[in-house]
């Protein structure tokens, strides 16, 4: 039977209202609980799930596997390694692309879940405000699981919260410049499938932003989303 209750319990226990994670306590207290729940999910026939349950399954699985990957390595400062003080993008790609899960005979990486199980199937750009890569530049990690009955409302809330967070999106009225998270640059095509421009998409959630605003992108903070 598919249940998100263990994941919901852990999120409530170790994630605060700002999406910061107490990895140290989680590592000490609930590594086995997380591993056991992820093992139980391997028996789920995902293809037979109704759409909302299907969506909630992949969102929760991605975030849970990301947390597990961090817990296995913790303490770390970032999921993006550095060599001689410089960002190692190949290391980040390797982290996201390495096999981390087996489901119904299929080997999955975090990238495969994101690109093939969520983006390709659902085509909903709100997904980018729900998937959390354990970094401060990401959307904040909810301290509750995604649930089939309310997943659409949860995604709407995620979008509202992200697009009205000045650390992620802010508008300079004097210069008519819309500063956006690089998520909008990396996944521009997803947003342009549902809106004629990035500014138009943002304006749906923040009416103070004119659709004619010039878009520029903010630096991305890869620091670990940990609670100190």
N, C-alpha and C. Protein backbone atom coordinates (compact mmCIF):
# COMPACT_ATOMS: atom_id res chain seq x y z
N UNK A 1 0.84 -1.20 0.00
CA UNK A 1 0.00 0.00 0.00
C UNK A 1 0.88 1.26 0.00
N UNK A 2 0.58 2.19 -0.88
CA UNK A 2 1.35 3.42 -0.97
C UNK A 2 0.99 4.36 0.17
N UNK A 3 1.99 4.75 0.94
CA UNK A 3 1.76 5.73 1.99
C UNK A 3 2.92 6.72 2.03
N UNK A 4 2.58 7.97 2.24
CA UNK A 4 3.60 9.01 2.38
C UNK A 4 3.76 9.41 3.85
N UNK A 5 3.11 8.67 4.77
CA UNK A 5 3.12 9.04 6.19
C UNK A 5 4.52 9.08 6.79
N UNK A 6 5.39 8.09 6.54
CA UNK A 6 6.74 8.17 7.12
C UNK A 6 7.52 9.39 6.64
N UNK A 7 7.40 9.69 5.36
CA UNK A 7 8.08 10.87 4.80
C UNK A 7 7.51 12.14 5.41
N UNK A 8 6.20 12.22 5.56
CA UNK A 8 5.56 13.37 6.17
C UNK A 8 6.05 13.56 7.61
N UNK A 9 6.14 12.46 8.35
CA UNK A 9 6.63 12.51 9.73
C UNK A 9 8.04 13.07 9.79
N UNK A 10 8.92 12.59 8.91
CA UNK A 10 10.32 13.05 8.93
C UNK A 10 10.43 14.52 8.53
N UNK A 11 9.66 14.94 7.55
CA UNK A 11 9.69 16.35 7.16
C UNK A 11 9.25 17.25 8.31
N UNK A 12 8.21 16.85 9.00
CA UNK A 12 7.74 17.66 10.13
C UNK A 12 8.76 17.68 11.27
N UNK A 13 9.49 16.58 11.41
CA UNK A 13 10.45 16.48 12.52
C UNK A 13 11.75 17.23 12.26
N UNK A 14 12.19 17.29 10.99
CA UNK A 14 13.55 17.77 10.72
C UNK A 14 13.65 18.97 9.79
N UNK A 15 12.51 19.48 9.31
CA UNK A 15 12.51 20.64 8.41
C UNK A 15 11.71 21.76 9.05
N UNK A 16 12.28 22.97 9.10
CA UNK A 16 11.55 24.07 9.73
C UNK A 16 10.70 24.83 8.71
N UNK A 17 10.02 25.88 9.16
CA UNK A 17 9.10 26.61 8.30
C UNK A 17 9.80 27.36 7.16
N UNK A 18 11.11 27.54 7.28
CA UNK A 18 11.88 28.20 6.23
C UNK A 18 12.51 27.20 5.26
N UNK A 19 12.19 25.92 5.43
CA UNK A 19 12.71 24.90 4.54
C UNK A 19 14.13 24.46 4.87
N UNK A 20 14.65 24.87 6.02
CA UNK A 20 16.00 24.48 6.42
C UNK A 20 15.95 23.13 7.13
N UNK A 21 16.95 22.31 6.88
CA UNK A 21 16.91 20.91 7.30
C UNK A 21 17.94 20.66 8.40
N UNK A 22 17.51 19.97 9.44
CA UNK A 22 18.43 19.55 10.50
C UNK A 22 19.00 18.19 10.10
N UNK A 23 19.99 18.23 9.21
CA UNK A 23 20.56 16.99 8.70
C UNK A 23 21.24 16.18 9.80
N UNK A 24 21.84 16.86 10.75
CA UNK A 24 22.55 16.17 11.82
C UNK A 24 21.60 15.28 12.63
N UNK A 25 20.48 15.84 13.08
CA UNK A 25 19.51 15.05 13.85
C UNK A 25 18.90 13.95 12.99
N UNK A 26 18.56 14.30 11.76
CA UNK A 26 17.95 13.32 10.85
C UNK A 26 18.89 12.14 10.67
N UNK A 27 20.17 12.44 10.46
CA UNK A 27 21.18 11.40 10.26
C UNK A 27 21.28 10.50 11.49
N UNK A 28 21.21 11.09 12.66
CA UNK A 28 21.37 10.33 13.90
C UNK A 28 20.12 9.52 14.25
N UNK A 29 18.94 10.07 13.92
CA UNK A 29 17.70 9.48 14.44
C UNK A 29 16.89 8.67 13.43
N UNK A 30 16.93 9.04 12.15
CA UNK A 30 15.93 8.47 11.23
C UNK A 30 16.47 8.01 9.89
N UNK A 31 17.76 7.73 9.80
CA UNK A 31 18.29 7.20 8.55
C UNK A 31 17.61 5.89 8.17
N UNK A 32 17.43 5.01 9.16
CA UNK A 32 16.81 3.71 8.89
C UNK A 32 15.37 3.87 8.47
N UNK A 33 14.65 4.78 9.10
CA UNK A 33 13.25 5.02 8.73
C UNK A 33 13.16 5.47 7.29
N UNK A 34 14.04 6.38 6.87
CA UNK A 34 14.02 6.86 5.49
C UNK A 34 14.37 5.73 4.53
N UNK A 35 15.40 4.98 4.83
CA UNK A 35 15.82 3.87 3.96
C UNK A 35 14.72 2.83 3.84
N UNK A 36 14.09 2.49 4.95
CA UNK A 36 13.02 1.47 4.93
C UNK A 36 11.83 1.94 4.11
N UNK A 37 11.46 3.22 4.25
CA UNK A 37 10.30 3.73 3.50
C UNK A 37 10.62 3.75 2.01
N UNK A 38 11.82 4.17 1.65
CA UNK A 38 12.19 4.16 0.24
C UNK A 38 12.20 2.74 -0.33
N UNK A 39 12.58 1.78 0.48
CA UNK A 39 12.54 0.39 0.03
C UNK A 39 11.11 -0.07 -0.20
N UNK A 40 10.19 0.35 0.67
CA UNK A 40 8.78 -0.01 0.51
C UNK A 40 8.21 0.54 -0.80
N UNK A 41 8.63 1.74 -1.18
CA UNK A 41 8.12 2.35 -2.41
C UNK A 41 8.50 1.56 -3.66
N UNK A 42 9.54 0.74 -3.55
CA UNK A 42 10.00 -0.01 -4.71
C UNK A 42 8.99 -1.05 -5.18
N UNK A 43 8.00 -1.34 -4.35
CA UNK A 43 6.97 -2.32 -4.73
C UNK A 43 5.77 -1.66 -5.40
N UNK A 44 5.75 -0.34 -5.46
CA UNK A 44 4.59 0.39 -6.00
C UNK A 44 4.56 0.28 -7.53
N UNK A 45 3.40 -0.08 -8.06
CA UNK A 45 3.20 -0.09 -9.52
C UNK A 45 2.81 1.32 -9.94
N UNK A 46 3.80 2.16 -10.19
CA UNK A 46 3.57 3.58 -10.43
C UNK A 46 2.67 3.82 -11.63
N UNK A 47 2.82 3.02 -12.66
CA UNK A 47 2.05 3.22 -13.89
C UNK A 47 0.55 3.07 -13.66
N UNK A 48 0.17 2.38 -12.61
CA UNK A 48 -1.25 2.15 -12.33
C UNK A 48 -1.86 3.23 -11.44
N UNK A 49 -1.05 4.17 -10.99
CA UNK A 49 -1.55 5.20 -10.08
C UNK A 49 -2.37 6.24 -10.84
N UNK A 50 -3.42 6.79 -10.23
CA UNK A 50 -4.13 7.92 -10.84
C UNK A 50 -3.21 9.13 -10.89
N UNK A 51 -3.51 10.12 -11.76
CA UNK A 51 -2.58 11.22 -12.02
C UNK A 51 -2.08 11.95 -10.78
N UNK A 52 -2.97 12.31 -9.85
CA UNK A 52 -2.53 13.09 -8.69
C UNK A 52 -1.61 12.26 -7.79
N UNK A 53 -1.91 10.96 -7.65
CA UNK A 53 -1.06 10.10 -6.84
C UNK A 53 0.29 9.87 -7.53
N UNK A 54 0.23 9.75 -8.83
CA UNK A 54 1.43 9.61 -9.64
C UNK A 54 2.35 10.81 -9.46
N UNK A 55 1.79 12.00 -9.55
CA UNK A 55 2.56 13.24 -9.39
C UNK A 55 3.15 13.34 -7.99
N UNK A 56 2.34 13.10 -6.96
CA UNK A 56 2.82 13.18 -5.58
C UNK A 56 3.93 12.16 -5.34
N UNK A 57 3.79 10.98 -5.92
CA UNK A 57 4.80 9.94 -5.77
C UNK A 57 6.17 10.43 -6.23
N UNK A 58 6.25 10.97 -7.45
CA UNK A 58 7.54 11.38 -7.99
C UNK A 58 8.12 12.59 -7.28
N UNK A 59 7.27 13.54 -6.90
CA UNK A 59 7.77 14.71 -6.16
C UNK A 59 8.37 14.28 -4.83
N UNK A 60 7.65 13.45 -4.09
CA UNK A 60 8.15 12.98 -2.80
C UNK A 60 9.40 12.12 -2.97
N UNK A 61 9.40 11.26 -3.97
CA UNK A 61 10.55 10.38 -4.17
C UNK A 61 11.80 11.18 -4.49
N UNK A 62 11.69 12.15 -5.39
CA UNK A 62 12.86 12.98 -5.74
C UNK A 62 13.43 13.65 -4.49
N UNK A 63 12.58 14.33 -3.74
CA UNK A 63 13.07 15.07 -2.58
C UNK A 63 13.64 14.13 -1.51
N UNK A 64 13.01 12.96 -1.34
CA UNK A 64 13.49 12.00 -0.34
C UNK A 64 14.85 11.42 -0.74
N UNK A 65 15.02 11.10 -2.02
CA UNK A 65 16.30 10.58 -2.47
C UNK A 65 17.39 11.63 -2.36
N UNK A 66 17.04 12.90 -2.63
CA UNK A 66 18.02 13.98 -2.48
C UNK A 66 18.46 14.09 -1.02
N UNK A 67 17.50 14.04 -0.11
CA UNK A 67 17.84 14.10 1.32
C UNK A 67 18.72 12.91 1.69
N UNK A 68 18.38 11.73 1.21
CA UNK A 68 19.17 10.55 1.53
C UNK A 68 20.61 10.68 1.03
N UNK A 69 20.77 11.22 -0.18
CA UNK A 69 22.11 11.41 -0.73
C UNK A 69 22.93 12.36 0.15
N UNK A 70 22.29 13.41 0.66
CA UNK A 70 22.99 14.34 1.54
C UNK A 70 23.32 13.66 2.87
N UNK A 71 22.37 12.93 3.43
CA UNK A 71 22.59 12.29 4.73
C UNK A 71 23.74 11.31 4.68
N UNK A 72 23.89 10.60 3.57
CA UNK A 72 25.00 9.66 3.45
C UNK A 72 26.35 10.36 3.44
N UNK A 73 26.38 11.63 3.00
CA UNK A 73 27.63 12.37 2.87
C UNK A 73 27.85 13.38 4.00
N UNK A 74 26.83 13.66 4.76
CA UNK A 74 26.89 14.75 5.74
C UNK A 74 27.94 14.45 6.81
N UNK A 75 28.72 15.49 7.24
CA UNK A 75 28.57 16.92 6.93
C UNK A 75 29.25 17.32 5.61
N UNK A 76 28.52 18.07 4.81
CA UNK A 76 29.03 18.69 3.59
C UNK A 76 28.53 20.13 3.55
N UNK A 77 29.20 20.97 2.78
CA UNK A 77 28.80 22.37 2.67
C UNK A 77 27.87 22.61 1.49
N UNK A 78 27.93 21.69 0.50
CA UNK A 78 27.16 21.89 -0.73
C UNK A 78 27.13 20.58 -1.50
N UNK A 79 26.08 20.39 -2.32
CA UNK A 79 26.08 19.22 -3.20
C UNK A 79 26.97 19.48 -4.42
N UNK A 80 27.36 20.71 -4.63
CA UNK A 80 28.26 21.04 -5.74
C UNK A 80 29.69 21.05 -5.22
N UNK A 81 30.49 20.05 -5.59
CA UNK A 81 31.87 20.00 -5.10
C UNK A 81 32.71 21.11 -5.70
N UNK A 82 33.83 21.38 -5.06
CA UNK A 82 34.76 22.39 -5.55
C UNK A 82 36.15 21.77 -5.64
N UNK A 83 36.91 22.19 -6.65
CA UNK A 83 38.29 21.76 -6.82
C UNK A 83 39.17 23.00 -6.85
N UNK A 84 40.11 23.06 -5.91
CA UNK A 84 41.01 24.23 -5.80
C UNK A 84 40.21 25.52 -5.68
N UNK A 85 39.07 25.43 -4.96
CA UNK A 85 38.26 26.61 -4.72
C UNK A 85 37.32 26.99 -5.84
N UNK A 86 37.34 26.24 -6.95
CA UNK A 86 36.50 26.56 -8.10
C UNK A 86 35.35 25.57 -8.21
N UNK A 87 34.18 26.02 -8.70
CA UNK A 87 33.04 25.12 -8.83
C UNK A 87 33.36 23.96 -9.77
N UNK A 88 32.96 22.77 -9.39
CA UNK A 88 33.15 21.58 -10.21
C UNK A 88 31.80 21.17 -10.78
N UNK A 89 31.49 21.69 -11.98
CA UNK A 89 30.18 21.41 -12.56
C UNK A 89 30.05 19.96 -13.00
N UNK A 90 31.17 19.34 -13.41
CA UNK A 90 31.12 17.93 -13.77
C UNK A 90 30.80 17.08 -12.55
N UNK A 91 31.32 17.50 -11.40
CA UNK A 91 31.01 16.78 -10.16
C UNK A 91 29.53 16.88 -9.81
N UNK A 92 28.94 18.07 -10.03
CA UNK A 92 27.52 18.24 -9.78
C UNK A 92 26.70 17.37 -10.73
N UNK A 93 27.09 17.38 -12.01
CA UNK A 93 26.37 16.56 -12.99
C UNK A 93 26.46 15.08 -12.61
N UNK A 94 27.62 14.66 -12.15
CA UNK A 94 27.79 13.27 -11.74
C UNK A 94 26.90 12.94 -10.54
N UNK A 95 26.81 13.88 -9.60
CA UNK A 95 25.97 13.69 -8.41
C UNK A 95 24.51 13.48 -8.81
N UNK A 96 24.04 14.29 -9.75
CA UNK A 96 22.63 14.22 -10.14
C UNK A 96 22.34 13.09 -11.12
N UNK A 97 23.36 12.61 -11.80
CA UNK A 97 23.15 11.62 -12.86
C UNK A 97 23.47 10.19 -12.43
N UNK A 98 24.10 10.00 -11.29
CA UNK A 98 24.46 8.64 -10.88
C UNK A 98 23.21 7.86 -10.46
N UNK A 99 23.18 6.56 -10.70
CA UNK A 99 22.03 5.74 -10.29
C UNK A 99 21.87 5.75 -8.77
N UNK A 100 20.64 6.02 -8.31
CA UNK A 100 20.40 6.06 -6.87
C UNK A 100 19.21 5.20 -6.44
N UNK A 101 18.48 4.61 -7.41
CA UNK A 101 17.24 3.93 -7.03
C UNK A 101 16.84 2.94 -8.10
N UNK A 102 16.24 1.85 -7.66
CA UNK A 102 15.67 0.85 -8.57
C UNK A 102 14.16 0.79 -8.36
N UNK A 103 13.41 0.89 -9.45
CA UNK A 103 11.95 0.85 -9.34
C UNK A 103 11.39 0.04 -10.51
N UNK A 104 10.75 -1.06 -10.18
CA UNK A 104 10.13 -1.90 -11.20
C UNK A 104 11.12 -2.24 -12.33
N UNK A 105 12.35 -2.58 -11.94
CA UNK A 105 13.36 -2.97 -12.90
C UNK A 105 14.06 -1.82 -13.60
N UNK A 106 13.68 -0.58 -13.31
CA UNK A 106 14.30 0.59 -13.94
C UNK A 106 15.28 1.26 -12.99
N UNK A 107 16.46 1.58 -13.49
CA UNK A 107 17.45 2.29 -12.71
C UNK A 107 17.22 3.79 -12.85
N UNK A 108 17.15 4.47 -11.72
CA UNK A 108 16.82 5.89 -11.72
C UNK A 108 17.92 6.72 -11.09
N UNK A 109 18.17 7.87 -11.70
CA UNK A 109 18.99 8.92 -11.10
C UNK A 109 18.06 10.07 -10.75
N UNK A 110 18.57 11.03 -10.02
CA UNK A 110 17.76 12.22 -9.71
C UNK A 110 17.40 12.96 -11.00
N UNK A 111 18.36 13.06 -11.91
CA UNK A 111 18.07 13.73 -13.19
C UNK A 111 16.99 12.99 -13.98
N UNK A 112 17.03 11.66 -13.96
CA UNK A 112 16.04 10.90 -14.72
C UNK A 112 14.64 11.11 -14.14
N UNK A 113 14.53 11.16 -12.82
CA UNK A 113 13.23 11.42 -12.21
C UNK A 113 12.73 12.80 -12.63
N UNK A 114 13.60 13.79 -12.54
CA UNK A 114 13.18 15.15 -12.88
C UNK A 114 12.78 15.28 -14.35
N UNK A 115 13.64 14.81 -15.24
CA UNK A 115 13.44 15.09 -16.66
C UNK A 115 12.50 14.11 -17.36
N UNK A 116 12.53 12.84 -16.95
CA UNK A 116 11.75 11.82 -17.65
C UNK A 116 10.44 11.45 -16.95
N UNK A 117 10.40 11.59 -15.63
CA UNK A 117 9.21 11.18 -14.89
C UNK A 117 8.32 12.36 -14.51
N UNK A 118 8.88 13.53 -14.44
CA UNK A 118 8.09 14.70 -14.05
C UNK A 118 7.93 15.69 -15.21
N UNK A 119 9.02 16.23 -15.71
CA UNK A 119 8.91 17.22 -16.79
C UNK A 119 8.27 16.63 -18.04
N UNK A 120 8.73 15.47 -18.46
CA UNK A 120 8.24 14.89 -19.71
C UNK A 120 6.79 14.46 -19.63
N UNK A 121 6.38 13.96 -18.47
CA UNK A 121 5.03 13.40 -18.34
C UNK A 121 4.00 14.47 -17.99
N UNK A 122 4.36 15.36 -17.07
CA UNK A 122 3.36 16.31 -16.56
C UNK A 122 3.43 17.67 -17.25
N UNK A 123 4.60 18.09 -17.71
CA UNK A 123 4.71 19.35 -18.43
C UNK A 123 4.24 20.56 -17.64
N UNK A 124 4.39 20.51 -16.33
CA UNK A 124 3.90 21.59 -15.46
C UNK A 124 5.10 22.31 -14.86
N UNK A 125 5.33 23.57 -15.23
CA UNK A 125 6.51 24.28 -14.70
C UNK A 125 6.49 24.50 -13.20
N UNK A 126 5.34 24.35 -12.56
CA UNK A 126 5.30 24.49 -11.10
C UNK A 126 6.15 23.42 -10.42
N UNK A 127 6.45 22.35 -11.14
CA UNK A 127 7.32 21.31 -10.61
C UNK A 127 8.65 21.89 -10.15
N UNK A 128 9.11 22.93 -10.85
CA UNK A 128 10.41 23.53 -10.52
C UNK A 128 10.39 24.28 -9.20
N UNK A 129 9.22 24.52 -8.65
CA UNK A 129 9.12 25.17 -7.34
C UNK A 129 8.90 24.14 -6.23
N UNK A 130 8.94 22.85 -6.61
CA UNK A 130 8.71 21.77 -5.65
C UNK A 130 9.92 20.87 -5.47
N UNK A 131 10.70 20.71 -6.53
CA UNK A 131 11.89 19.87 -6.45
C UNK A 131 13.01 20.63 -5.77
N UNK A 132 13.63 20.00 -4.78
CA UNK A 132 14.61 20.70 -3.94
C UNK A 132 15.94 19.96 -4.01
N UNK A 133 16.95 20.67 -4.52
CA UNK A 133 18.27 20.06 -4.70
C UNK A 133 19.18 20.32 -3.50
N UNK A 134 18.59 20.48 -2.33
CA UNK A 134 19.34 20.62 -1.08
C UNK A 134 20.24 21.86 -1.05
N UNK A 135 19.84 22.89 -1.76
CA UNK A 135 20.63 24.12 -1.82
C UNK A 135 19.75 25.33 -1.50
N UNK A 136 20.37 26.39 -0.99
CA UNK A 136 19.60 27.58 -0.63
C UNK A 136 19.01 28.27 -1.85
N UNK A 137 19.60 28.08 -3.01
CA UNK A 137 19.04 28.66 -4.23
C UNK A 137 17.78 27.97 -4.71
N UNK A 138 17.55 26.77 -4.20
CA UNK A 138 16.36 25.98 -4.59
C UNK A 138 15.10 26.56 -3.95
N UNK A 139 13.93 26.07 -4.37
CA UNK A 139 12.73 26.30 -3.58
C UNK A 139 12.95 25.74 -2.17
N UNK A 140 12.18 26.22 -1.22
CA UNK A 140 12.33 25.69 0.13
C UNK A 140 11.67 24.31 0.19
N UNK A 141 12.23 23.45 1.03
CA UNK A 141 11.68 22.11 1.22
C UNK A 141 10.46 22.20 2.13
N UNK A 142 9.33 21.73 1.65
CA UNK A 142 8.12 21.71 2.49
C UNK A 142 8.35 20.84 3.72
N UNK A 143 7.78 21.24 4.87
CA UNK A 143 7.84 20.35 6.02
C UNK A 143 6.57 19.52 6.12
N UNK A 144 6.13 19.07 4.95
CA UNK A 144 5.03 18.12 4.84
C UNK A 144 5.16 17.42 3.49
N UNK A 145 4.61 16.23 3.39
CA UNK A 145 4.67 15.49 2.13
C UNK A 145 3.66 16.04 1.12
N UNK A 146 3.94 15.82 -0.15
CA UNK A 146 2.92 16.07 -1.18
C UNK A 146 1.90 14.95 -1.10
N UNK A 147 0.62 15.32 -1.07
CA UNK A 147 -0.46 14.34 -0.93
C UNK A 147 -1.38 14.43 -2.14
N UNK A 148 -1.81 13.29 -2.67
CA UNK A 148 -2.61 13.30 -3.90
C UNK A 148 -3.84 14.20 -3.84
N UNK A 149 -4.53 14.24 -2.71
CA UNK A 149 -5.77 15.00 -2.62
C UNK A 149 -5.55 16.50 -2.69
N UNK A 150 -4.34 16.97 -2.37
CA UNK A 150 -4.09 18.41 -2.31
C UNK A 150 -2.85 18.82 -3.09
N UNK A 151 -2.29 17.91 -3.90
CA UNK A 151 -1.01 18.22 -4.56
C UNK A 151 -1.11 19.43 -5.48
N UNK A 152 -2.26 19.63 -6.14
CA UNK A 152 -2.41 20.79 -7.01
C UNK A 152 -2.38 22.08 -6.20
N UNK A 153 -3.05 22.09 -5.07
CA UNK A 153 -3.04 23.27 -4.20
C UNK A 153 -1.64 23.49 -3.63
N UNK A 154 -0.95 22.41 -3.30
CA UNK A 154 0.41 22.54 -2.77
C UNK A 154 1.35 23.16 -3.82
N UNK A 155 1.20 22.74 -5.07
CA UNK A 155 2.04 23.31 -6.12
C UNK A 155 1.73 24.79 -6.35
N UNK A 156 0.46 25.16 -6.25
CA UNK A 156 0.11 26.57 -6.37
C UNK A 156 0.75 27.39 -5.25
N UNK A 157 0.71 26.85 -4.03
CA UNK A 157 1.34 27.53 -2.91
C UNK A 157 2.85 27.64 -3.10
N UNK A 158 3.45 26.57 -3.60
CA UNK A 158 4.89 26.59 -3.87
C UNK A 158 5.25 27.70 -4.86
N UNK A 159 4.44 27.82 -5.91
CA UNK A 159 4.69 28.85 -6.93
C UNK A 159 4.53 30.24 -6.33
N UNK A 160 3.46 30.45 -5.58
CA UNK A 160 3.24 31.75 -4.95
C UNK A 160 4.40 32.12 -4.03
N UNK A 161 4.83 31.16 -3.25
CA UNK A 161 5.89 31.42 -2.28
C UNK A 161 7.22 31.73 -2.98
N UNK A 162 7.53 30.97 -4.01
CA UNK A 162 8.79 31.17 -4.72
C UNK A 162 8.80 32.50 -5.47
N UNK A 163 7.69 32.80 -6.14
CA UNK A 163 7.65 33.99 -7.00
C UNK A 163 7.45 35.28 -6.23
N UNK A 164 7.16 35.17 -4.96
CA UNK A 164 7.04 36.36 -4.12
C UNK A 164 8.13 36.41 -3.04
N UNK A 165 9.17 35.63 -3.26
CA UNK A 165 10.33 35.63 -2.37
C UNK A 165 11.42 36.49 -3.02
N UNK A 166 11.77 37.63 -2.44
CA UNK A 166 12.74 38.54 -3.08
C UNK A 166 14.12 37.93 -3.25
N UNK A 167 14.42 36.85 -2.55
CA UNK A 167 15.69 36.16 -2.77
C UNK A 167 15.69 35.39 -4.09
N UNK A 168 14.49 35.10 -4.60
CA UNK A 168 14.35 34.31 -5.82
C UNK A 168 13.87 35.16 -7.01
N UNK A 169 12.95 36.07 -6.73
CA UNK A 169 12.37 36.91 -7.78
C UNK A 169 12.11 38.30 -7.20
N UNK A 170 12.62 39.32 -7.85
CA UNK A 170 12.33 40.68 -7.40
C UNK A 170 12.31 41.62 -8.60
N UNK A 171 11.49 42.66 -8.48
CA UNK A 171 11.30 43.60 -9.58
C UNK A 171 11.82 44.97 -9.21
N UNK A 172 12.68 45.53 -10.07
CA UNK A 172 13.20 46.89 -9.91
C UNK A 172 12.35 47.80 -10.80
N UNK A 173 11.41 48.53 -10.18
CA UNK A 173 10.48 49.35 -10.94
C UNK A 173 11.18 50.50 -11.65
N UNK A 174 12.21 51.08 -11.05
CA UNK A 174 12.91 52.21 -11.67
C UNK A 174 13.58 51.79 -12.97
N UNK A 175 14.16 50.62 -12.98
CA UNK A 175 14.88 50.14 -14.17
C UNK A 175 14.01 49.23 -15.04
N UNK A 176 12.83 48.89 -14.55
CA UNK A 176 11.95 47.93 -15.23
C UNK A 176 12.69 46.61 -15.52
N UNK A 177 13.39 46.15 -14.48
CA UNK A 177 14.15 44.89 -14.60
C UNK A 177 13.58 43.87 -13.61
N UNK A 178 13.30 42.69 -14.11
CA UNK A 178 12.82 41.58 -13.29
C UNK A 178 13.99 40.64 -13.05
N UNK A 179 14.45 40.60 -11.81
CA UNK A 179 15.54 39.71 -11.44
C UNK A 179 14.96 38.37 -11.01
N UNK A 180 15.40 37.31 -11.67
CA UNK A 180 14.82 35.98 -11.44
C UNK A 180 15.89 34.96 -11.08
N UNK A 181 15.47 33.95 -10.36
CA UNK A 181 16.30 32.78 -10.12
C UNK A 181 16.74 32.17 -11.45
N UNK A 182 17.92 31.58 -11.46
CA UNK A 182 18.40 30.93 -12.67
C UNK A 182 17.56 29.71 -13.06
N UNK A 183 16.69 29.29 -12.18
CA UNK A 183 15.75 28.22 -12.54
C UNK A 183 14.97 28.62 -13.78
N UNK A 184 14.64 29.91 -13.90
CA UNK A 184 13.90 30.39 -15.08
C UNK A 184 14.78 30.39 -16.33
N UNK A 185 16.06 30.51 -16.15
CA UNK A 185 16.99 30.45 -17.29
C UNK A 185 17.22 29.00 -17.72
N UNK A 186 17.48 28.14 -16.73
CA UNK A 186 17.77 26.74 -17.04
C UNK A 186 16.57 26.02 -17.67
N UNK A 187 15.37 26.38 -17.22
CA UNK A 187 14.16 25.69 -17.69
C UNK A 187 13.23 26.64 -18.44
N UNK A 188 13.83 27.58 -19.13
CA UNK A 188 13.05 28.60 -19.83
C UNK A 188 11.99 27.98 -20.74
N UNK A 189 12.35 26.92 -21.43
CA UNK A 189 11.41 26.29 -22.36
C UNK A 189 10.14 25.80 -21.69
N UNK A 190 10.26 25.31 -20.46
CA UNK A 190 9.08 24.83 -19.73
C UNK A 190 8.11 25.96 -19.44
N UNK A 191 8.66 27.11 -19.05
CA UNK A 191 7.80 28.25 -18.72
C UNK A 191 7.20 28.87 -19.98
N UNK A 192 7.96 28.86 -21.06
CA UNK A 192 7.46 29.46 -22.30
C UNK A 192 6.43 28.58 -23.00
N UNK A 193 6.27 27.36 -22.55
CA UNK A 193 5.20 26.52 -23.09
C UNK A 193 3.82 26.96 -22.56
N UNK A 194 3.82 27.65 -21.43
CA UNK A 194 2.54 28.04 -20.82
C UNK A 194 2.36 29.55 -20.74
N UNK A 195 3.39 30.32 -21.12
CA UNK A 195 3.30 31.78 -21.09
C UNK A 195 4.20 32.33 -22.20
N UNK A 196 3.85 33.50 -22.76
CA UNK A 196 4.64 34.05 -23.87
C UNK A 196 6.01 34.58 -23.46
N UNK A 197 6.22 34.83 -22.17
CA UNK A 197 7.52 35.32 -21.70
C UNK A 197 7.66 34.97 -20.23
N UNK A 198 8.90 35.06 -19.74
CA UNK A 198 9.14 34.82 -18.32
C UNK A 198 8.42 35.87 -17.48
N UNK A 199 8.49 37.12 -17.90
CA UNK A 199 7.82 38.18 -17.15
C UNK A 199 6.31 37.95 -17.08
N UNK A 200 5.72 37.48 -18.16
CA UNK A 200 4.28 37.19 -18.17
C UNK A 200 3.96 36.07 -17.21
N UNK A 201 4.82 35.05 -17.17
CA UNK A 201 4.58 33.95 -16.24
C UNK A 201 4.62 34.45 -14.79
N UNK A 202 5.65 35.22 -14.47
CA UNK A 202 5.79 35.73 -13.10
C UNK A 202 4.61 36.63 -12.74
N UNK A 203 4.14 37.43 -13.69
CA UNK A 203 3.04 38.37 -13.43
C UNK A 203 1.75 37.67 -13.03
N UNK A 204 1.60 36.39 -13.40
CA UNK A 204 0.41 35.65 -12.98
C UNK A 204 0.34 35.53 -11.46
N UNK A 205 1.50 35.50 -10.83
CA UNK A 205 1.59 35.30 -9.38
C UNK A 205 1.96 36.58 -8.65
N UNK A 206 2.51 37.54 -9.37
CA UNK A 206 2.91 38.81 -8.78
C UNK A 206 2.47 39.94 -9.71
N UNK A 207 1.25 40.46 -9.53
CA UNK A 207 0.68 41.44 -10.47
C UNK A 207 1.44 42.76 -10.53
N UNK A 208 2.36 43.02 -9.62
CA UNK A 208 3.16 44.25 -9.67
C UNK A 208 4.20 44.19 -10.79
N UNK A 209 4.44 43.02 -11.32
CA UNK A 209 5.45 42.86 -12.37
C UNK A 209 4.80 43.08 -13.73
N UNK A 210 5.27 44.07 -14.50
CA UNK A 210 4.72 44.27 -15.85
C UNK A 210 5.24 43.21 -16.82
N UNK A 211 4.42 42.87 -17.77
CA UNK A 211 4.80 41.83 -18.73
C UNK A 211 5.92 42.29 -19.66
N UNK A 212 6.20 43.60 -19.65
CA UNK A 212 7.25 44.15 -20.52
C UNK A 212 8.61 44.23 -19.83
N UNK A 213 8.69 43.77 -18.59
CA UNK A 213 9.94 43.89 -17.84
C UNK A 213 11.07 43.13 -18.52
N UNK A 214 12.28 43.69 -18.43
CA UNK A 214 13.48 43.01 -18.90
C UNK A 214 13.92 42.00 -17.83
N UNK A 215 14.22 40.79 -18.25
CA UNK A 215 14.57 39.74 -17.30
C UNK A 215 16.08 39.59 -17.20
N UNK A 216 16.56 39.56 -15.97
CA UNK A 216 17.95 39.23 -15.69
C UNK A 216 17.98 38.17 -14.60
N UNK A 217 19.09 37.45 -14.52
CA UNK A 217 19.12 36.29 -13.63
C UNK A 217 20.06 36.50 -12.45
N UNK A 218 19.60 36.05 -11.29
CA UNK A 218 20.33 36.19 -10.04
C UNK A 218 21.36 35.08 -9.89
N UNK A 219 22.42 35.33 -9.12
CA UNK A 219 23.36 34.24 -8.81
C UNK A 219 22.63 33.13 -8.04
N UNK A 220 23.07 31.91 -8.25
CA UNK A 220 22.44 30.76 -7.59
C UNK A 220 23.28 30.34 -6.39
N UNK A 221 22.64 30.21 -5.25
CA UNK A 221 23.33 29.85 -4.01
C UNK A 221 23.31 28.33 -3.84
N UNK A 222 24.46 27.69 -4.00
CA UNK A 222 24.56 26.24 -3.88
C UNK A 222 24.87 25.79 -2.45
N UNK A 223 24.90 26.71 -1.50
CA UNK A 223 25.14 26.32 -0.10
C UNK A 223 24.06 25.36 0.37
N UNK A 224 24.45 24.41 1.20
CA UNK A 224 23.50 23.41 1.69
C UNK A 224 22.36 24.07 2.47
N UNK A 225 21.14 23.60 2.27
CA UNK A 225 19.97 24.16 2.95
C UNK A 225 19.84 23.58 4.36
N UNK A 226 20.85 23.75 5.14
CA UNK A 226 20.87 23.13 6.47
C UNK A 226 20.52 24.14 7.55
N UNK A 227 19.90 23.62 8.60
CA UNK A 227 19.62 24.42 9.78
C UNK A 227 20.79 24.29 10.74
N UNK A 228 21.39 25.40 11.07
CA UNK A 228 22.57 25.38 11.94
C UNK A 228 22.16 25.20 13.38
